[in-house]
Each structure stands twice: as C-alpha cells, then as structure tokens.
Amino acid sequence: MMFIFSTYPNRTSARKATGLVVKKRFAGCVLTIPVGSIYQWKGKIENAKEVLVIFKTTKGKARKLMEFLEAHHPYEVPFVAAMPLHQVNKTYREWLGREVDKQ
C-alpha cells in the first residue's frame, strides 16, 4: 500500500482531482486536510492556504496515479510524492486492492 501526497490551492480543485482519481480507480480512498504553506515562489515569500491531499493506493497503481496528478494539476510546479506503507491491517489492504483493481 502507498500514500501519494499532493497539495492543491483550494477545496474545489482538490475535490475535482480526487473525484477523477477515485472514478478512474487510481486510488481507493482520499483524505483532504486544510493546511497553511510558506514557500518562495518567483522571488517572493508566499504564505498560502492550501489543501493537502493524501491518496491511498496500491504499489501497482502508484506510478500511474503520480503521472496523472502531475499532468492534470493546477499548479505550474506541483508537489507529488509517494510513501510506502509497510504495516497496514489485512482487511483494509485487501479492500483497497479490490477497489483499485476493479475494471
């Protein structure tokens, strides 16, 4: 199982992305969390409200999901990162595998 992380400028853009991802079965479940971000962009310090999105997927779908997110992201330079999960309870892991592997 994998977590794929990305940030979005607002709830609307995050919901659009998450709906497409779940519909295409790249992820079985998605978490959205409002966050604050401070970063440098084009010579300025930015202090922005964003939405952190955590996509729950399988190792087999992670690469496709990351490529899809980067290609359809509203940011010019999106953050898309993966983190493997080594210990996940069996029933959840099996459910997730069934959801993302459905045709």
PDB file of N, CA and C in Angstrom:
ATOM      1  N   MET A   1       0.837  -1.171   0.000  1.00  0.00           N
ATOM      2  CA  MET A   1       0.000   0.000   0.000  1.00  0.00           C
ATOM      3  C   MET A   1       0.879   1.230   0.000  1.00  0.00           C
ATOM      4  N   MET A   2       0.374   2.303  -0.613  1.00  0.00           N
ATOM      5  CA  MET A   2       1.135   3.547  -0.742  1.00  0.00           C
ATOM      6  C   MET A   2       0.258   4.744  -0.392  1.00  0.00           C
ATOM      7  N   PHE A   3       0.888   5.765   0.160  1.00  0.00           N
ATOM      8  CA  PHE A   3       0.291   7.087   0.255  1.00  0.00           C
ATOM      9  C   PHE A   3       0.932   7.927  -0.842  1.00  0.00           C
ATOM     10  N   ILE A   4       0.113   8.647  -1.584  1.00  0.00           N
ATOM     11  CA  ILE A   4       0.608   9.644  -2.533  1.00  0.00           C
ATOM     12  C   ILE A   4       0.118  10.993  -2.025  1.00  0.00           C
ATOM     13  N   PHE A   5       1.017  11.929  -1.857  1.00  0.00           N
ATOM     14  CA  PHE A   5       0.700  13.248  -1.320  1.00  0.00           C
ATOM     15  C   PHE A   5       0.743  14.303  -2.421  1.00  0.00           C
ATOM     16  N   SER A   6      -0.156  15.278  -2.330  1.00  0.00           N
ATOM     17  CA  SER A   6      -0.104  16.445  -3.197  1.00  0.00           C
ATOM     18  C   SER A   6      -0.822  17.586  -2.483  1.00  0.00           C
ATOM     19  N   THR A   7      -0.554  18.806  -2.904  1.00  0.00           N
ATOM     20  CA  THR A   7      -1.257  19.960  -2.353  1.00  0.00           C
ATOM     21  C   THR A   7      -1.987  20.681  -3.481  1.00  0.00           C
ATOM     22  N   TYR A   8      -3.121  21.278  -3.119  1.00  0.00           N
ATOM     23  CA  TYR A   8      -3.968  21.991  -4.081  1.00  0.00           C
ATOM     24  C   TYR A   8      -4.285  23.376  -3.541  1.00  0.00           C
ATOM     25  N   PRO A   9      -4.557  24.327  -4.426  1.00  0.00           N
ATOM     26  CA  PRO A   9      -4.769  25.708  -3.984  1.00  0.00           C
ATOM     27  C   PRO A   9      -6.061  25.924  -3.192  1.00  0.00           C
ATOM     28  N   ASN A  10      -7.044  25.039  -3.373  1.00  0.00           N
ATOM     29  CA  ASN A  10      -8.316  25.224  -2.672  1.00  0.00           C
ATOM     30  C   ASN A  10      -9.110  23.918  -2.678  1.00  0.00           C
ATOM     31  N   ARG A  11     -10.198  23.927  -1.931  1.00  0.00           N
ATOM     32  CA  ARG A  11     -11.029  22.730  -1.790  1.00  0.00           C
ATOM     33  C   ARG A  11     -11.660  22.309  -3.121  1.00  0.00           C
ATOM     34  N   THR A  12     -12.066  23.276  -3.938  1.00  0.00           N
ATOM     35  CA  THR A  12     -12.704  22.970  -5.219  1.00  0.00           C
ATOM     36  C   THR A  12     -11.762  22.194  -6.135  1.00  0.00           C
ATOM     37  N   SER A  13     -10.537  22.675  -6.285  1.00  0.00           N
ATOM     38  CA  SER A  13      -9.585  21.973  -7.161  1.00  0.00           C
ATOM     39  C   SER A  13      -9.199  20.618  -6.581  1.00  0.00           C
ATOM     40  N   ALA A  14      -9.113  20.518  -5.257  1.00  0.00           N
ATOM     41  CA  ALA A  14      -8.798  19.237  -4.624  1.00  0.00           C
ATOM     42  C   ALA A  14      -9.924  18.231  -4.855  1.00  0.00           C
ATOM     43  N   ARG A  15     -11.162  18.675  -4.704  1.00  0.00           N
ATOM     44  CA  ARG A  15     -12.306  17.767  -4.912  1.00  0.00           C
ATOM     45  C   ARG A  15     -12.411  17.318  -6.367  1.00  0.00           C
ATOM     46  N   LYS A  16     -12.117  18.208  -7.292  1.00  0.00           N
ATOM     47  CA  LYS A  16     -12.145  17.839  -8.710  1.00  0.00           C
ATOM     48  C   LYS A  16     -11.125  16.727  -8.969  1.00  0.00           C
ATOM     49  N   ALA A  17      -9.912  16.914  -8.474  1.00  0.00           N
ATOM     50  CA  ALA A  17      -8.850  15.916  -8.674  1.00  0.00           C
ATOM     51  C   ALA A  17      -9.192  14.601  -7.990  1.00  0.00           C
ATOM     52  N   THR A  18      -9.666  14.670  -6.760  1.00  0.00           N
ATOM     53  CA  THR A  18      -9.928  13.439  -6.019  1.00  0.00           C
ATOM     54  C   THR A  18     -11.083  12.649  -6.626  1.00  0.00           C
ATOM     55  N   GLY A  19     -12.092  13.353  -7.108  1.00  0.00           N
ATOM     56  CA  GLY A  19     -13.210  12.665  -7.755  1.00  0.00           C
ATOM     57  C   GLY A  19     -12.765  11.908  -8.991  1.00  0.00           C
ATOM     58  N   LEU A  20     -11.926  12.536  -9.810  1.00  0.00           N
ATOM     59  CA  LEU A  20     -11.415  11.874 -11.014  1.00  0.00           C
ATOM     60  C   LEU A  20     -10.548  10.671 -10.665  1.00  0.00           C
ATOM     61  N   VAL A  21      -9.709  10.833  -9.679  1.00  0.00           N
ATOM     62  CA  VAL A  21      -8.785   9.758  -9.288  1.00  0.00           C
ATOM     63  C   VAL A  21      -9.548   8.534  -8.783  1.00  0.00           C
ATOM     64  N   VAL A  22     -10.550   8.748  -7.954  1.00  0.00           N
ATOM     65  CA  VAL A  22     -11.327   7.623  -7.439  1.00  0.00           C
ATOM     66  C   VAL A  22     -12.155   6.993  -8.558  1.00  0.00           C
ATOM     67  N   LYS A  23     -12.728   7.831  -9.422  1.00  0.00           N
ATOM     68  CA  LYS A  23     -13.521   7.308 -10.550  1.00  0.00           C
ATOM     69  C   LYS A  23     -12.664   6.438 -11.468  1.00  0.00           C
ATOM     70  N   LYS A  24     -11.414   6.867 -11.705  1.00  0.00           N
ATOM     71  CA  LYS A  24     -10.510   6.108 -12.570  1.00  0.00           C
ATOM     72  C   LYS A  24      -9.850   4.933 -11.833  1.00  0.00           C
ATOM     73  N   ARG A  25     -10.139   4.802 -10.544  1.00  0.00           N
ATOM     74  CA  ARG A  25      -9.614   3.725  -9.701  1.00  0.00           C
ATOM     75  C   ARG A  25      -8.088   3.747  -9.566  1.00  0.00           C
ATOM     76  N   PHE A  26      -7.524   4.957  -9.582  1.00  0.00           N
ATOM     77  CA  PHE A  26      -6.105   5.104  -9.268  1.00  0.00           C
ATOM     78  C   PHE A  26      -5.893   5.070  -7.751  1.00  0.00           C
ATOM     79  N   ALA A  27      -6.948   5.390  -6.993  1.00  0.00           N
ATOM     80  CA  ALA A  27      -6.909   5.341  -5.529  1.00  0.00           C
ATOM     81  C   ALA A  27      -8.251   4.842  -5.026  1.00  0.00           C
ATOM     82  N   GLY A  28      -8.225   4.179  -3.884  1.00  0.00           N
ATOM     83  CA  GLY A  28      -9.462   3.675  -3.313  1.00  0.00           C
ATOM     84  C   GLY A  28     -10.087   4.630  -2.319  1.00  0.00           C
ATOM     85  N   CYS A  29      -9.274   5.511  -1.757  1.00  0.00           N
ATOM     86  CA  CYS A  29      -9.728   6.455  -0.743  1.00  0.00           C
ATOM     87  C   CYS A  29      -8.811   7.665  -0.768  1.00  0.00           C
ATOM     88  N   VAL A  30      -9.378   8.824  -0.425  1.00  0.00           N
ATOM     89  CA  VAL A  30      -8.601  10.055  -0.442  1.00  0.00           C
ATOM     90  C   VAL A  30      -8.940  10.873   0.808  1.00  0.00           C
ATOM     91  N   LEU A  31      -7.916  11.420   1.434  1.00  0.00           N
ATOM     92  CA  LEU A  31      -8.097  12.323   2.571  1.00  0.00           C
ATOM     93  C   LEU A  31      -7.759  13.745   2.135  1.00  0.00           C
ATOM     94  N   THR A  32      -8.541  14.731   2.581  1.00  0.00           N
ATOM     95  CA  THR A  32      -8.239  16.134   2.298  1.00  0.00           C
ATOM     96  C   THR A  32      -8.148  16.887   3.622  1.00  0.00           C
ATOM     97  N   ILE A  33      -7.089  17.676   3.753  1.00  0.00           N
ATOM     98  CA  ILE A  33      -6.816  18.372   5.007  1.00  0.00           C
ATOM     99  C   ILE A  33      -6.412  19.814   4.696  1.00  0.00           C
ATOM    100  N   PRO A  34      -7.122  20.804   5.247  1.00  0.00           N
ATOM    101  CA  PRO A  34      -6.688  22.193   5.048  1.00  0.00           C
ATOM    102  C   PRO A  34      -5.365  22.438   5.786  1.00  0.00           C
ATOM    103  N   VAL A  35      -4.440  23.099   5.110  1.00  0.00           N
ATOM    104  CA  VAL A  35      -3.128  23.388   5.701  1.00  0.00           C
ATOM    105  C   VAL A  35      -2.696  24.795   5.312  1.00  0.00           C
ATOM    106  N   GLY A  36      -1.668  25.275   5.969  1.00  0.00           N
ATOM    107  CA  GLY A  36      -1.015  26.517   5.592  1.00  0.00           C
ATOM    108  C   GLY A  36       0.371  26.205   5.069  1.00  0.00           C
ATOM    109  N   SER A  37       0.799  26.911   4.031  1.00  0.00           N
ATOM    110  CA  SER A  37       2.119  26.682   3.436  1.00  0.00           C
ATOM    111  C   SER A  37       2.874  27.996   3.326  1.00  0.00           C
ATOM    112  N   ILE A  38       4.152  27.939   3.625  1.00  0.00           N
ATOM    113  CA  ILE A  38       5.041  29.085   3.431  1.00  0.00           C
ATOM    114  C   ILE A  38       6.153  28.618   2.515  1.00  0.00           C
ATOM    115  N   TYR A  39       6.363  29.346   1.416  1.00  0.00           N
ATOM    116  CA  TYR A  39       7.366  28.947   0.433  1.00  0.00           C
ATOM    117  C   TYR A  39       7.788  30.156  -0.399  1.00  0.00           C
ATOM    118  N   GLN A  40       8.913  29.988  -1.094  1.00  0.00           N
ATOM    119  CA  GLN A  40       9.372  31.031  -2.015  1.00  0.00           C
ATOM    120  C   GLN A  40       8.886  30.695  -3.412  1.00  0.00           C
ATOM    121  N   TRP A  41       8.341  31.687  -4.092  1.00  0.00           N
ATOM    122  CA  TRP A  41       7.870  31.485  -5.455  1.00  0.00           C
ATOM    123  C   TRP A  41       8.130  32.749  -6.263  1.00  0.00           C
ATOM    124  N   LYS A  42       8.960  32.609  -7.284  1.00  0.00           N
ATOM    125  CA  LYS A  42       9.298  33.712  -8.182  1.00  0.00           C
ATOM    126  C   LYS A  42       9.773  34.950  -7.421  1.00  0.00           C
ATOM    127  N   GLY A  43      10.675  34.693  -6.461  1.00  0.00           N
ATOM    128  CA  GLY A  43      11.318  35.774  -5.732  1.00  0.00           C
ATOM    129  C   GLY A  43      10.535  36.343  -4.562  1.00  0.00           C
ATOM    130  N   LYS A  44       9.380  35.780  -4.252  1.00  0.00           N
ATOM    131  CA  LYS A  44       8.578  36.278  -3.143  1.00  0.00           C
ATOM    132  C   LYS A  44       8.310  35.166  -2.138  1.00  0.00           C
ATOM    133  N   ILE A  45       8.217  35.539  -0.867  1.00  0.00           N
ATOM    134  CA  ILE A  45       7.782  34.603   0.159  1.00  0.00           C
ATOM    135  C   ILE A  45       6.257  34.561   0.126  1.00  0.00           C
ATOM    136  N   GLU A  46       5.724  33.387  -0.054  1.00  0.00           N
ATOM    137  CA  GLU A  46       4.266  33.198  -0.105  1.00  0.00           C
ATOM    138  C   GLU A  46       3.797  32.550   1.189  1.00  0.00           C
ATOM    139  N   ASN A  47       2.659  32.962   1.661  1.00  0.00           N
ATOM    140  CA  ASN A  47       2.014  32.382   2.832  1.00  0.00           C
ATOM    141  C   ASN A  47       0.595  32.048   2.383  1.00  0.00           C
ATOM    142  N   ALA A  48       0.352  30.779   2.066  1.00  0.00           N
ATOM    143  CA  ALA A  48      -0.896  30.408   1.401  1.00  0.00           C
ATOM    144  C   ALA A  48      -1.683  29.367   2.181  1.00  0.00           C
ATOM    145  N   LYS A  49      -2.990  29.417   2.014  1.00  0.00           N
ATOM    146  CA  LYS A  49      -3.853  28.345   2.478  1.00  0.00           C
ATOM    147  C   LYS A  49      -3.952  27.346   1.336  1.00  0.00           C
ATOM    148  N   GLU A  50      -3.762  26.072   1.649  1.00  0.00           N
ATOM    149  CA  GLU A  50      -3.830  25.022   0.642  1.00  0.00           C
ATOM    150  C   GLU A  50      -4.610  23.844   1.211  1.00  0.00           C
ATOM    151  N   VAL A  51      -4.817  22.841   0.376  1.00  0.00           N
ATOM    152  CA  VAL A  51      -5.432  21.589   0.805  1.00  0.00           C
ATOM    153  C   VAL A  51      -4.425  20.484   0.534  1.00  0.00           C
ATOM    154  N   LEU A  52      -4.031  19.790   1.599  1.00  0.00           N
ATOM    155  CA  LEU A  52      -3.163  18.628   1.473  1.00  0.00           C
ATOM    156  C   LEU A  52      -4.049  17.438   1.149  1.00  0.00           C
ATOM    157  N   VAL A  53      -3.694  16.713   0.102  1.00  0.00           N
ATOM    158  CA  VAL A  53      -4.469  15.546  -0.310  1.00  0.00           C
ATOM    159  C   VAL A  53      -3.584  14.309  -0.160  1.00  0.00           C
ATOM    160  N   ILE A  54      -4.134  13.298   0.501  1.00  0.00           N
ATOM    161  CA  ILE A  54      -3.440  12.027   0.687  1.00  0.00           C
ATOM    162  C   ILE A  54      -4.256  10.955  -0.023  1.00  0.00           C
ATOM    163  N   PHE A  55      -3.688  10.420  -1.080  1.00  0.00           N
ATOM    164  CA  PHE A  55      -4.334   9.376  -1.868  1.00  0.00           C
ATOM    165  C   PHE A  55      -3.855   8.026  -1.355  1.00  0.00           C
ATOM    166  N   LYS A  56      -4.777   7.113  -1.077  1.00  0.00           N
ATOM    167  CA  LYS A  56      -4.424   5.765  -0.646  1.00  0.00           C
ATOM    168  C   LYS A  56      -4.542   4.843  -1.858  1.00  0.00           C
ATOM    169  N   THR A  57      -3.434   4.200  -2.206  1.00  0.00           N
ATOM    170  CA  THR A  57      -3.419   3.360  -3.391  1.00  0.00           C
ATOM    171  C   THR A  57      -2.509   2.149  -3.185  1.00  0.00           C
ATOM    172  N   THR A  58      -2.408   1.340  -4.222  1.00  0.00           N
ATOM    173  CA  THR A  58      -1.528   0.176  -4.170  1.00  0.00           C
ATOM    174  C   THR A  58      -0.196   0.521  -4.841  1.00  0.00           C
ATOM    175  N   LYS A  59       0.795  -0.284  -4.557  1.00  0.00           N
ATOM    176  CA  LYS A  59       2.103  -0.080  -5.179  1.00  0.00           C
ATOM    177  C   LYS A  59       1.985  -0.157  -6.704  1.00  0.00           C
ATOM    178  N   GLY A  60       1.132  -1.051  -7.194  1.00  0.00           N
ATOM    179  CA  GLY A  60       0.952  -1.218  -8.630  1.00  0.00           C
ATOM    180  C   GLY A  60       0.317  -0.033  -9.331  1.00  0.00           C
ATOM    181  N   LYS A  61      -0.456   0.776  -8.626  1.00  0.00           N
ATOM    182  CA  LYS A  61      -1.113   1.943  -9.226  1.00  0.00           C
ATOM    183  C   LYS A  61      -0.414   3.266  -8.921  1.00  0.00           C
ATOM    184  N   ALA A  62       0.591   3.243  -8.066  1.00  0.00           N
ATOM    185  CA  ALA A  62       1.234   4.476  -7.609  1.00  0.00           C
ATOM    186  C   ALA A  62       1.820   5.304  -8.756  1.00  0.00           C
ATOM    187  N   ARG A  63       2.558   4.672  -9.645  1.00  0.00           N
ATOM    188  CA  ARG A  63       3.202   5.412 -10.732  1.00  0.00           C
ATOM    189  C   ARG A  63       2.156   6.059 -11.647  1.00  0.00           C
ATOM    190  N   LYS A  64       1.114   5.308 -12.018  1.00  0.00           N
ATOM    191  CA  LYS A  64       0.055   5.863 -12.871  1.00  0.00           C
ATOM    192  C   LYS A  64      -0.637   7.031 -12.189  1.00  0.00           C
ATOM    193  N   LEU A  65      -0.889   6.887 -10.903  1.00  0.00           N
ATOM    194  CA  LEU A  65      -1.530   7.968 -10.148  1.00  0.00           C
ATOM    195  C   LEU A  65      -0.653   9.210 -10.132  1.00  0.00           C
ATOM    196  N   MET A  66       0.629   9.040  -9.851  1.00  0.00           N
ATOM    197  CA  MET A  66       1.531  10.191  -9.807  1.00  0.00           C
ATOM    198  C   MET A  66       1.617  10.890 -11.159  1.00  0.00           C
ATOM    199  N   GLU A  67       1.693  10.119 -12.230  1.00  0.00           N
ATOM    200  CA  GLU A  67       1.740  10.712 -13.574  1.00  0.00           C
ATOM    201  C   GLU A  67       0.446  11.457 -13.889  1.00  0.00           C
ATOM    202  N   PHE A  68      -0.698  10.884 -13.513  1.00  0.00           N
ATOM    203  CA  PHE A  68      -1.986  11.532 -13.737  1.00  0.00           C
ATOM    204  C   PHE A  68      -2.074  12.846 -12.959  1.00  0.00           C
ATOM    205  N   LEU A  69      -1.671  12.832 -11.696  1.00  0.00           N
ATOM    206  CA  LEU A  69      -1.734  14.042 -10.879  1.00  0.00           C
ATOM    207  C   LEU A  69      -0.866  15.150 -11.447  1.00  0.00           C
ATOM    208  N   GLU A  70       0.344  14.805 -11.839  1.00  0.00           N
ATOM    209  CA  GLU A  70       1.241  15.825 -12.375  1.00  0.00           C
ATOM    210  C   GLU A  70       0.706  16.401 -13.687  1.00  0.00           C
ATOM    211  N   ALA A  71       0.156  15.553 -14.540  1.00  0.00           N
ATOM    212  CA  ALA A  71      -0.359  16.013 -15.843  1.00  0.00           C
ATOM    213  C   ALA A  71      -1.615  16.870 -15.712  1.00  0.00           C
ATOM    214  N   HIS A  72      -2.407  16.673 -14.650  1.00  0.00           N
ATOM    215  CA  HIS A  72      -3.687  17.371 -14.515  1.00  0.00           C
ATOM    216  C   HIS A  72      -3.729  18.343 -13.341  1.00  0.00           C
ATOM    217  N   HIS A  73      -2.585  18.693 -12.832  1.00  0.00           N
ATOM    218  CA  HIS A  73      -2.530  19.544 -11.634  1.00  0.00           C
ATOM    219  C   HIS A  73      -2.669  21.018 -11.990  1.00  0.00           C
ATOM    220  N   PRO A  74      -3.342  21.816 -11.141  1.00  0.00           N
ATOM    221  CA  PRO A  74      -3.488  23.245 -11.442  1.00  0.00           C
ATOM    222  C   PRO A  74      -2.210  24.064 -11.204  1.00  0.00           C
ATOM    223  N   TYR A  75      -1.254  23.538 -10.441  1.00  0.00           N
ATOM    224  CA  TYR A  75      -0.018  24.279 -10.187  1.00  0.00           C
ATOM    225  C   TYR A  75       0.972  24.110 -11.334  1.00  0.00           C
ATOM    226  N   GLU A  76       1.736  25.149 -11.576  1.00  0.00           N
ATOM    227  CA  GLU A  76       2.805  25.099 -12.582  1.00  0.00           C
ATOM    228  C   GLU A  76       3.874  24.080 -12.173  1.00  0.00           C
ATOM    229  N   VAL A  77       4.193  24.035 -10.880  1.00  0.00           N
ATOM    230  CA  VAL A  77       5.164  23.086 -10.338  1.00  0.00           C
ATOM    231  C   VAL A  77       4.495  22.369  -9.162  1.00  0.00           C
ATOM    232  N   PRO A  78       3.778  21.290  -9.442  1.00  0.00           N
ATOM    233  CA  PRO A  78       3.068  20.600  -8.363  1.00  0.00           C
ATOM    234  C   PRO A  78       3.980  19.748  -7.505  1.00  0.00           C
ATOM    235  N   PHE A  79       3.577  19.571  -6.250  1.00  0.00           N
ATOM    236  CA  PHE A  79       4.222  18.632  -5.335  1.00  0.00           C
ATOM    237  C   PHE A  79       3.449  17.322  -5.423  1.00  0.00           C
ATOM    238  N   VAL A  80       4.137  16.252  -5.819  1.00  0.00           N
ATOM    239  CA  VAL A  80       3.550  14.915  -5.858  1.00  0.00           C
ATOM    240  C   VAL A  80       4.615  13.970  -5.321  1.00  0.00           C
ATOM    241  N   ALA A  81       4.319  13.306  -4.201  1.00  0.00           N
ATOM    242  CA  ALA A  81       5.310  12.440  -3.557  1.00  0.00           C
ATOM    243  C   ALA A  81       4.656  11.147  -3.091  1.00  0.00           C
ATOM    244  N   ALA A  82       5.454  10.089  -3.034  1.00  0.00           N
ATOM    245  CA  ALA A  82       4.948   8.777  -2.616  1.00  0.00           C
ATOM    246  C   ALA A  82       5.649   8.316  -1.343  1.00  0.00           C
ATOM    247  N   MET A  83       4.893   7.580  -0.534  1.00  0.00           N
ATOM    248  CA  MET A  83       5.456   6.987   0.671  1.00  0.00           C
ATOM    249  C   MET A  83       4.872   5.586   0.830  1.00  0.00           C
ATOM    250  N   PRO A  84       5.730   4.572   0.849  1.00  0.00           N
ATOM    251  CA  PRO A  84       5.211   3.214   1.046  1.00  0.00           C
ATOM    252  C   PRO A  84       4.756   3.007   2.489  1.00  0.00           C
ATOM    253  N   LEU A  85       3.723   2.212   2.638  1.00  0.00           N
ATOM    254  CA  LEU A  85       3.228   1.845   3.963  1.00  0.00           C
ATOM    255  C   LEU A  85       3.523   0.365   4.160  1.00  0.00           C
ATOM    256  N   HIS A  86       4.263   0.050   5.178  1.00  0.00           N
ATOM    257  CA  HIS A  86       4.724  -1.320   5.370  1.00  0.00           C
ATOM    258  C   HIS A  86       3.818  -2.148   6.262  1.00  0.00           C
ATOM    259  N   GLN A  87       3.111  -1.516   7.155  1.00  0.00           N
ATOM    260  CA  GLN A  87       2.248  -2.266   8.057  1.00  0.00           C
ATOM    261  C   GLN A  87       0.841  -1.688   8.004  1.00  0.00           C
ATOM    262  N   VAL A  88      -0.018  -2.380   7.287  1.00  0.00           N
ATOM    263  CA  VAL A  88      -1.419  -1.978   7.150  1.00  0.00           C
ATOM    264  C   VAL A  88      -2.253  -3.213   7.457  1.00  0.00           C
ATOM    265  N   ASN A  89      -3.320  -3.025   8.219  1.00  0.00           N
ATOM    266  CA  ASN A  89      -4.134  -4.193   8.570  1.00  0.00           C
ATOM    267  C   ASN A  89      -4.658  -4.888   7.315  1.00  0.00           C
ATOM    268  N   LYS A  90      -4.748  -6.198   7.400  1.00  0.00           N
ATOM    269  CA  LYS A  90      -5.055  -7.051   6.253  1.00  0.00           C
ATOM    270  C   LYS A  90      -6.393  -6.725   5.603  1.00  0.00           C
ATOM    271  N   THR A  91      -7.432  -6.523   6.387  1.00  0.00           N
ATOM    272  CA  THR A  91      -8.760  -6.288   5.796  1.00  0.00           C
ATOM    273  C   THR A  91      -8.790  -4.990   4.991  1.00  0.00           C
ATOM    274  N   TYR A  92      -8.125  -3.939   5.483  1.00  0.00           N
ATOM    275  CA  TYR A  92      -8.096  -2.680   4.734  1.00  0.00           C
ATOM    276  C   TYR A  92      -7.264  -2.844   3.469  1.00  0.00           C
ATOM    277  N   ARG A  93      -6.119  -3.457   3.595  1.00  0.00           N
ATOM    278  CA  ARG A  93      -5.238  -3.673   2.448  1.00  0.00           C
ATOM    279  C   ARG A  93      -5.952  -4.462   1.352  1.00  0.00           C
ATOM    280  N   GLU A  94      -6.687  -5.503   1.740  1.00  0.00           N
ATOM    281  CA  GLU A  94      -7.434  -6.304   0.761  1.00  0.00           C
ATOM    282  C   GLU A  94      -8.551  -5.494   0.109  1.00  0.00           C
ATOM    283  N   TRP A  95      -9.270  -4.705   0.909  1.00  0.00           N
ATOM    284  CA  TRP A  95     -10.340  -3.853   0.362  1.00  0.00           C
ATOM    285  C   TRP A  95      -9.772  -2.876  -0.662  1.00  0.00           C
ATOM    286  N   LEU A  96      -8.684  -2.223  -0.303  1.00  0.00           N
ATOM    287  CA  LEU A  96      -8.074  -1.237  -1.196  1.00  0.00           C
ATOM    288  C   LEU A  96      -7.649  -1.900  -2.506  1.00  0.00           C
ATOM    289  N   GLY A  97      -7.033  -3.059  -2.413  1.00  0.00           N
ATOM    290  CA  GLY A  97      -6.615  -3.779  -3.612  1.00  0.00           C
ATOM    291  C   GLY A  97      -7.801  -4.096  -4.512  1.00  0.00           C
ATOM    292  N   ARG A  98      -8.909  -4.527  -3.935  1.00  0.00           N
ATOM    293  CA  ARG A  98     -10.101  -4.806  -4.745  1.00  0.00           C
ATOM    294  C   ARG A  98     -10.627  -3.546  -5.410  1.00  0.00           C
ATOM    295  N   GLU A  99     -10.620  -2.428  -4.710  1.00  0.00           N
ATOM    296  CA  GLU A  99     -11.175  -1.181  -5.266  1.00  0.00           C
ATOM    297  C   GLU A  99     -10.352  -0.639  -6.431  1.00  0.00           C
ATOM    298  N   VAL A 100      -9.044  -0.643  -6.303  1.00  0.00           N
ATOM    299  CA  VAL A 100      -8.233  -0.064  -7.372  1.00  0.00           C
ATOM    300  C   VAL A 100      -8.023  -1.030  -8.525  1.00  0.00           C
ATOM    301  N   ASP A 101      -8.252  -2.312  -8.301  1.00  0.00           N
ATOM    302  CA  ASP A 101      -8.062  -3.291  -9.373  1.00  0.00           C
ATOM    303  C   ASP A 101      -9.334  -3.621 -10.141  1.00  0.00           C
ATOM    304  N   LYS A 102     -10.487  -3.052  -9.726  1.00  0.00           N
ATOM    305  CA  LYS A 102     -11.740  -3.293 -10.466  1.00  0.00           C
ATOM    306  C   LYS A 102     -11.645  -2.695 -11.849  1.00  0.00           C
ATOM    307  N   GLN A 103     -12.282  -3.321 -12.789  1.00  0.00           N
ATOM    308  CA  GLN A 103     -12.271  -2.815 -14.172  1.00  0.00           C
ATOM    309  C   GLN A 103     -13.466  -1.979 -14.464  1.00  0.00           C
TER     310      GLN A 103
END
